Protein backbone atom coordinates (compact mmCIF):
# COMPACT_ATOMS: atom_id res chain seq x y z
CA MET A 1 -32.52 2.47 -9.63
CA PRO A 2 -35.50 0.49 -8.65
CA GLN A 3 -38.89 1.39 -7.80
CA ASP A 4 -38.92 0.03 -4.18
CA ALA A 5 -35.81 2.24 -3.46
CA TYR A 6 -38.17 5.27 -3.86
CA ASP A 7 -39.96 4.21 -0.78
CA TYR A 8 -39.63 6.62 2.06
CA ASP A 9 -42.33 6.98 4.98
CA VAL A 10 -42.41 10.99 4.50
CA LEU A 11 -41.35 13.03 1.53
CA VAL A 12 -40.54 16.49 2.51
CA VAL A 13 -40.54 18.78 -0.38
CA GLY A 14 -37.54 21.53 -0.19
CA SER A 15 -34.44 21.33 1.55
CA GLY A 16 -34.08 24.81 2.72
CA PHE A 17 -34.43 26.23 6.44
CA GLY A 18 -37.61 24.49 6.90
CA GLY A 19 -37.13 20.94 4.63
CA SER A 20 -33.57 20.34 6.35
CA VAL A 21 -35.05 20.46 9.97
CA THR A 22 -37.92 18.75 9.55
CA ALA A 23 -35.97 15.91 7.23
CA LEU A 24 -33.24 15.55 10.20
CA ARG A 25 -35.95 15.47 13.22
CA LEU A 26 -38.09 12.65 11.39
CA THR A 27 -34.86 10.42 10.70
CA GLU A 28 -34.06 11.10 14.05
CA LYS A 29 -37.44 9.79 14.86
CA GLY A 30 -36.78 6.65 12.66
CA TYR A 31 -38.52 7.81 10.00
CA THR A 32 -37.46 7.07 6.26
CA VAL A 33 -37.26 10.25 4.64
CA GLY A 34 -36.81 11.24 0.76
CA VAL A 35 -35.87 15.46 0.33
CA LEU A 36 -37.37 16.28 -2.73
CA GLU A 37 -35.64 19.96 -4.52
CA ALA A 38 -36.01 21.38 -7.63
CA GLY A 39 -32.14 22.73 -7.94
CA ARG A 40 -29.18 21.23 -7.70
CA ARG A 41 -26.30 20.30 -5.29
CA TRP A 42 -24.11 23.44 -5.47
CA THR A 43 -20.55 23.88 -4.42
CA ARG A 44 -18.40 26.69 -3.75
CA GLN A 45 -16.62 26.02 -6.82
CA ASN A 46 -20.19 26.45 -9.09
CA LEU A 47 -21.85 28.77 -7.26
CA PRO A 48 -22.13 31.90 -9.16
CA LYS A 49 -19.85 34.79 -7.94
CA ASN A 50 -22.38 37.80 -8.78
CA SER A 51 -25.80 38.37 -10.48
CA TRP A 52 -24.34 38.48 -13.84
CA ASP A 53 -24.09 34.96 -13.90
CA LEU A 54 -27.60 34.51 -15.12
CA ARG A 55 -27.16 30.81 -15.80
CA ASN A 56 -26.01 30.20 -12.51
CA TYR A 57 -27.89 32.77 -10.59
CA LEU A 58 -31.63 32.87 -11.84
CA TRP A 59 -33.96 29.66 -11.76
CA ALA A 60 -35.94 30.07 -15.70
CA PRO A 61 -35.98 26.72 -17.16
CA ARG A 62 -38.05 28.02 -19.95
CA LEU A 63 -35.39 30.70 -20.58
CA GLY A 64 -32.76 27.81 -20.37
CA LEU A 65 -31.49 29.28 -16.84
CA TYR A 66 -31.02 26.78 -13.65
CA GLY A 67 -29.22 28.90 -11.47
CA ILE A 68 -30.18 29.55 -7.03
CA GLN A 69 -32.65 31.91 -7.51
CA ARG A 70 -36.38 31.81 -8.35
CA ILE A 71 -37.85 34.84 -8.29
CA HIS A 72 -42.25 35.09 -8.06
CA LEU A 73 -44.43 38.13 -8.99
CA LEU A 74 -47.32 37.82 -6.62
CA GLY A 75 -49.07 41.04 -7.29
CA ASN A 76 -47.85 43.12 -5.79
CA VAL A 77 -45.42 41.24 -3.93
CA MET A 78 -41.69 39.71 -5.33
CA VAL A 79 -40.88 36.82 -3.66
CA LEU A 80 -37.16 35.52 -3.47
CA ALA A 81 -36.91 31.69 -3.35
CA GLY A 82 -33.56 29.38 -3.04
CA ALA A 83 -33.23 26.69 -6.33
CA GLY A 84 -30.81 24.34 -4.87
CA VAL A 85 -30.23 21.84 -2.27
CA GLY A 86 -30.41 24.87 0.54
CA GLY A 87 -32.95 26.01 -0.04
CA GLY A 88 -33.54 29.79 0.89
CA SER A 89 -30.22 29.71 2.49
CA LEU A 90 -28.71 29.67 -1.17
CA ASN A 91 -30.21 33.30 -1.35
CA TYR A 92 -28.14 34.20 1.94
CA ALA A 93 -24.68 33.41 0.60
CA ASN A 94 -24.80 30.27 2.52
CA THR A 95 -24.74 31.89 6.01
CA LEU A 96 -26.46 31.46 9.10
CA TYR A 97 -26.57 34.53 11.40
CA ILE A 98 -26.69 33.66 15.15
CA PRO A 99 -27.83 37.01 16.88
CA PRO A 100 -25.50 38.59 19.90
CA LYS A 101 -27.02 38.02 23.52
CA PRO A 102 -28.54 41.26 23.43
CA PHE A 103 -30.83 40.72 20.80
CA PHE A 104 -32.83 38.33 23.16
CA ASP A 105 -32.05 40.76 26.52
CA ASP A 106 -34.05 43.14 24.70
CA PRO A 107 -36.88 44.49 27.41
CA SER A 108 -39.40 44.18 24.72
CA GLY A 109 -39.34 40.43 24.91
CA GLY A 110 -39.27 40.46 20.96
CA THR A 111 -42.42 42.21 20.60
CA SER A 112 -42.48 44.39 17.10
CA PRO A 113 -43.71 47.89 16.27
CA THR A 114 -46.86 46.30 15.07
CA GLY A 115 -46.96 44.65 18.91
CA ARG A 116 -46.72 41.01 17.92
CA THR A 117 -44.39 39.11 20.57
CA SER A 118 -41.74 37.50 17.93
CA TRP A 119 -41.01 34.85 20.24
CA PRO A 120 -42.09 33.71 23.95
CA ARG A 121 -40.79 35.78 26.74
CA THR A 122 -38.76 32.35 28.05
CA THR A 123 -36.79 32.32 24.98
CA THR A 124 -33.06 32.68 25.60
CA ARG A 125 -30.26 32.97 23.64
CA PRO A 126 -28.81 29.88 24.75
CA SER A 127 -32.02 27.92 24.61
CA ALA A 128 -32.79 29.75 21.10
CA CYS A 129 -29.37 29.08 20.01
CA SER A 130 -29.25 25.46 20.63
CA ALA A 131 -30.76 24.65 17.09
CA TYR A 132 -28.18 26.60 15.36
CA GLY A 133 -25.50 23.78 16.03
CA SER A 134 -27.79 21.18 14.43
CA THR A 135 -28.44 23.90 11.15
CA PRO A 136 -25.04 23.32 9.34
CA ARG A 137 -25.60 19.62 9.45
């Protein structure tokens, strides 16, 4: 492929939840966008059926493993990250949970036990879920 074929206005690193939406929004605004992903595109046929399929489950290139899940040990925290087109959604079996209406009608207004507000009080299920329709694209 010629070098000029790799000329993008924006290069998005990662095709997970944030990267895919960012790439979509930028292309909708007319930018040429490239998406850089560490892993490959997975299909229903080659996704690991369980965690015992280490070759397709864990991402550890030094061990010859090129699976869907990276494990990062950061001090006292273990972080799971996706490695492949879809990013972190690969860790969630490519599912997208849409909360039911009562979730948004909670009188706490989305306040966590620590008192932090999770979303603006004006957020309703229809307004929040309007984005859910474009996520699978």
